[in-house]
Amino acid sequence: MPVPIVLFAVLAAGCAPTTAGQAGTAQTQDTPAQEAAAHTPSPEPTPGAQGAAKAQSGSLSASGDFTADGKRAVVYARKLAPEGARASITVESSSGQTLSSLVVEGLLPDRPYGAHLHTKPCGPKPDDSGPHYQHEKGEASAANEVWLDFTTDASGAGRATARNSWTFAPGRRPHSLVIHAKSTTSSGPKAGEAGERVACLTLG
């Protein structure tokens, strides 16, 4: 009995080479290296690696009015931070960089101030906040520390930003922002110094 033409067409289609995907989609062929990579098991995570990654990144923020008996926002030199002076800061540390943004209000008008992140929380004494936070201990510089110097406008407001090409070290982050009486000395034997501590804001 003659075979129907339709059956020949089906058989011909079944013998034809197939392509991956729909018509119009280019077909690619894996190289030996790609095939080997596809069959290579993913390495097991190093113990503690995930915790270290989290420790190297994070968000910090704080805001408040500076008061003499404050716990999170403390004033030490009321003549340089009058009643009603306040500050707000955000710090984002991730993806290989740390971005810090500071806004202040109510300080003396048209005046420069220094500001840095410090290692310890604020306390009743100016030195309670410890030294500057440093990415690598030793060098006092804007590249190794977080400097947020600013100059206020006619209303006593000011702002500053700092971008550093590193993230917080594992298990070690800054705990406060300290506003100083002078702009930060950028070089020489007194690099990093900025006069007396005017006010402090504990980071959360």
Protein backbone atom coordinates (compact mmCIF):
# COMPACT_ATOMS: atom_id res chain seq x y z
CA MET A 1 0.00 0.00 0.00
CA PRO A 2 1.50 3.45 -0.87
CA VAL A 3 2.74 5.51 2.04
CA PRO A 4 0.88 8.81 2.41
CA ILE A 5 2.80 11.95 1.52
CA VAL A 6 2.10 13.32 5.00
CA LEU A 7 4.08 10.47 6.57
CA PHE A 8 7.09 11.27 4.39
CA ALA A 9 6.91 14.87 5.54
CA VAL A 10 6.84 13.83 9.21
CA LEU A 11 9.77 11.50 8.75
CA ALA A 12 11.75 14.19 6.95
CA ALA A 13 11.08 16.67 9.74
CA GLY A 14 12.19 14.17 12.35
CA CYS A 15 15.52 13.65 10.58
CA ALA A 16 16.22 17.37 10.18
CA PRO A 17 18.80 18.95 12.63
CA THR A 18 17.26 20.86 15.53
CA THR A 19 18.36 24.21 16.95
CA ALA A 20 18.22 25.45 20.54
CA GLY A 21 15.53 28.03 21.09
CA GLN A 22 13.06 29.56 18.72
CA ALA A 23 13.62 30.65 15.16
CA GLY A 24 15.89 33.67 14.96
CA THR A 25 17.82 32.71 18.10
CA ALA A 26 21.53 32.18 17.46
CA GLN A 27 22.83 28.83 18.62
CA THR A 28 26.11 28.75 20.49
CA GLN A 29 28.34 25.78 21.08
CA ASP A 30 30.22 25.40 24.34
CA THR A 31 33.95 25.22 24.11
CA PRO A 32 35.81 22.45 26.03
CA ALA A 33 36.73 25.02 28.70
CA GLN A 34 33.09 26.08 29.10
CA GLU A 35 31.94 22.47 29.31
CA ALA A 36 34.55 21.77 31.99
CA ALA A 37 33.47 24.85 33.94
CA ALA A 38 29.83 23.82 33.72
CA HIS A 39 30.63 20.47 35.30
CA THR A 40 33.01 21.81 37.94
CA PRO A 41 31.35 21.94 41.37
CA SER A 42 31.17 25.34 43.08
CA PRO A 43 33.73 25.73 45.86
CA GLU A 44 32.42 25.38 49.38
CA PRO A 45 32.24 28.73 51.24
CA THR A 46 35.11 29.34 53.58
CA PRO A 47 33.98 29.11 57.21
CA GLY A 48 33.16 32.58 58.47
CA ALA A 49 33.30 34.14 55.00
CA GLN A 50 29.65 35.15 55.03
CA GLY A 51 29.98 36.71 58.46
CA ALA A 52 33.08 38.61 57.35
CA ALA A 53 31.25 39.96 54.29
CA LYS A 54 28.44 41.25 56.49
CA ALA A 55 30.92 42.81 58.90
CA GLN A 56 32.59 44.68 56.05
CA SER A 57 29.37 46.33 54.99
CA GLY A 58 26.52 48.08 56.72
CA SER A 59 24.53 51.23 57.32
CA LEU A 60 24.97 53.62 60.22
CA SER A 61 22.98 56.73 61.03
CA ALA A 62 22.24 59.17 63.83
CA SER A 63 20.63 62.54 64.43
CA GLY A 64 19.84 64.73 67.39
CA ASP A 65 20.06 68.06 69.20
CA PHE A 66 23.29 68.58 71.11
CA THR A 67 22.67 68.86 74.87
CA ALA A 68 25.01 68.92 77.84
CA ASP A 69 23.39 65.86 79.43
CA GLY A 70 22.68 64.02 76.18
CA LYS A 71 23.49 60.35 75.78
CA ARG A 72 23.59 60.18 71.98
CA ALA A 73 24.16 63.85 71.10
CA VAL A 74 26.47 65.61 73.53
CA VAL A 75 27.84 69.17 73.49
CA TYR A 76 31.20 70.02 75.08
CA ALA A 77 31.71 73.63 73.93
CA ARG A 78 28.39 75.46 74.06
CA LYS A 79 29.96 78.67 72.77
CA LEU A 80 30.70 76.93 69.47
CA ALA A 81 27.48 74.87 69.37
CA PRO A 82 24.70 77.14 70.68
CA GLU A 83 21.41 75.93 72.09
CA GLY A 84 19.43 74.26 69.33
CA ALA A 85 22.48 73.07 67.39
CA ARG A 86 21.93 69.66 65.84
CA ALA A 87 23.42 67.20 63.38
CA SER A 88 22.37 64.28 61.21
CA ILE A 89 24.65 61.71 59.60
CA THR A 90 24.29 58.63 57.42
CA VAL A 91 27.07 56.18 56.56
CA GLU A 92 26.78 53.46 53.92
CA SER A 93 29.65 50.97 53.75
CA SER A 94 29.33 48.33 51.03
CA SER A 95 30.57 47.21 47.59
CA GLY A 96 34.12 48.33 48.25
CA GLN A 97 33.39 51.89 49.34
CA THR A 98 32.10 53.95 52.26
CA LEU A 99 29.93 57.00 51.66
CA SER A 100 29.29 59.39 54.56
CA SER A 101 26.94 62.39 54.54
CA LEU A 102 26.67 65.00 57.29
CA VAL A 103 24.18 67.84 57.78
CA VAL A 104 24.40 70.34 60.65
CA GLU A 105 22.19 73.21 61.79
CA GLY A 106 22.31 75.90 64.45
CA LEU A 107 26.09 76.28 64.71
CA LEU A 108 27.91 79.60 64.53
CA PRO A 109 27.42 81.30 61.14
CA ASP A 110 30.10 81.55 58.44
CA ARG A 111 32.58 79.45 60.35
CA PRO A 112 34.73 76.38 59.49
CA TYR A 113 34.53 73.24 61.62
CA GLY A 114 36.32 69.92 61.50
CA ALA A 115 34.47 66.62 61.76
CA HIS A 116 35.54 62.97 61.80
CA LEU A 117 34.27 59.51 62.61
CA HIS A 118 35.68 58.15 65.89
CA THR A 119 36.18 54.67 67.32
CA LYS A 120 34.03 54.81 70.48
CA PRO A 121 30.57 56.09 71.45
CA CYS A 122 30.13 59.57 72.90
CA GLY A 123 30.42 60.08 76.64
CA PRO A 124 30.23 62.92 79.16
CA LYS A 125 33.91 63.76 78.54
CA PRO A 126 35.26 64.89 75.14
CA ASP A 127 37.88 62.13 74.98
CA ASP A 128 35.37 59.35 75.63
CA SER A 129 34.82 58.89 71.88
CA GLY A 130 38.41 57.75 71.41
CA PRO A 131 40.67 58.49 68.42
CA HIS A 132 39.74 58.80 64.75
CA TYR A 133 38.47 55.68 63.05
CA GLN A 134 41.17 54.47 60.66
CA HIS A 135 40.89 51.87 57.93
CA GLU A 136 44.54 50.94 58.46
CA LYS A 137 46.02 52.02 61.74
CA GLY A 138 48.77 54.61 61.57
CA GLU A 139 48.17 57.19 58.86
CA ALA A 140 46.13 60.32 59.64
CA SER A 141 44.69 61.30 56.28
CA ALA A 142 41.38 61.83 54.53
CA ALA A 143 42.05 58.65 52.52
CA ASN A 144 42.55 56.47 55.61
CA GLU A 145 40.00 58.17 57.89
CA VAL A 146 36.58 59.73 57.38
CA TRP A 147 36.86 63.52 57.37
CA LEU A 148 33.70 65.62 57.07
CA ASP A 149 34.94 69.20 57.49
CA PHE A 150 32.43 71.91 56.60
CA THR A 151 31.87 75.66 56.70
CA THR A 152 28.53 76.96 57.91
CA ASP A 153 26.45 79.48 56.01
CA ALA A 154 24.86 82.67 57.35
CA SER A 155 22.24 80.64 59.21
CA GLY A 156 24.74 78.29 60.85
CA ALA A 157 23.91 75.34 58.61
CA GLY A 158 26.42 73.22 56.76
CA ARG A 159 26.92 69.91 55.04
CA ALA A 160 29.71 67.60 53.95
CA THR A 161 30.21 64.26 52.23
CA ALA A 162 33.14 61.86 52.12
CA ARG A 163 33.74 58.87 49.87
CA ASN A 164 36.38 56.30 50.83
CA SER A 165 37.47 53.38 48.65
CA TRP A 166 37.19 50.78 51.41
CA THR A 167 34.62 49.22 53.71
CA PHE A 168 34.67 48.77 57.47
CA ALA A 169 37.10 46.14 58.70
CA PRO A 170 35.50 42.93 60.04
CA GLY A 171 34.31 43.45 63.60
CA ARG A 172 35.57 47.03 63.67
CA ARG A 173 33.47 50.07 62.77
CA PRO A 174 33.20 53.70 63.88
CA HIS A 175 30.86 54.48 66.77
CA SER A 176 30.58 58.27 66.74
CA LEU A 177 30.88 61.52 64.83
CA VAL A 178 32.86 64.29 66.52
CA ILE A 179 32.68 67.96 65.49
CA HIS A 180 35.87 69.93 66.16
CA ALA A 181 36.57 73.63 66.57
CA LYS A 182 38.89 73.98 63.55
CA SER A 183 39.37 72.65 60.06
CA THR A 184 41.47 69.49 59.95
CA THR A 185 45.20 69.85 59.36
CA SER A 186 45.86 67.80 56.25
CA SER A 187 49.65 67.37 56.33
CA GLY A 188 52.76 67.61 58.47
CA PRO A 189 53.33 66.41 62.02
CA LYS A 190 49.89 67.67 63.12
CA ALA A 191 47.96 65.97 60.33
CA GLY A 192 44.49 64.97 61.51
CA GLU A 193 44.29 67.53 64.31
CA ALA A 194 41.30 69.89 64.36
CA GLY A 195 41.25 71.59 67.73
CA GLU A 196 38.98 70.96 70.69
CA ARG A 197 36.00 68.63 70.52
CA VAL A 198 32.84 70.71 70.25
CA ALA A 199 30.12 68.06 70.11
CA CYS A 200 29.62 64.33 69.60
CA LEU A 201 26.93 62.16 68.02
CA THR A 202 26.81 58.41 68.73
CA LEU A 203 26.17 56.27 65.64
CA GLY A 204 23.55 53.54 65.68
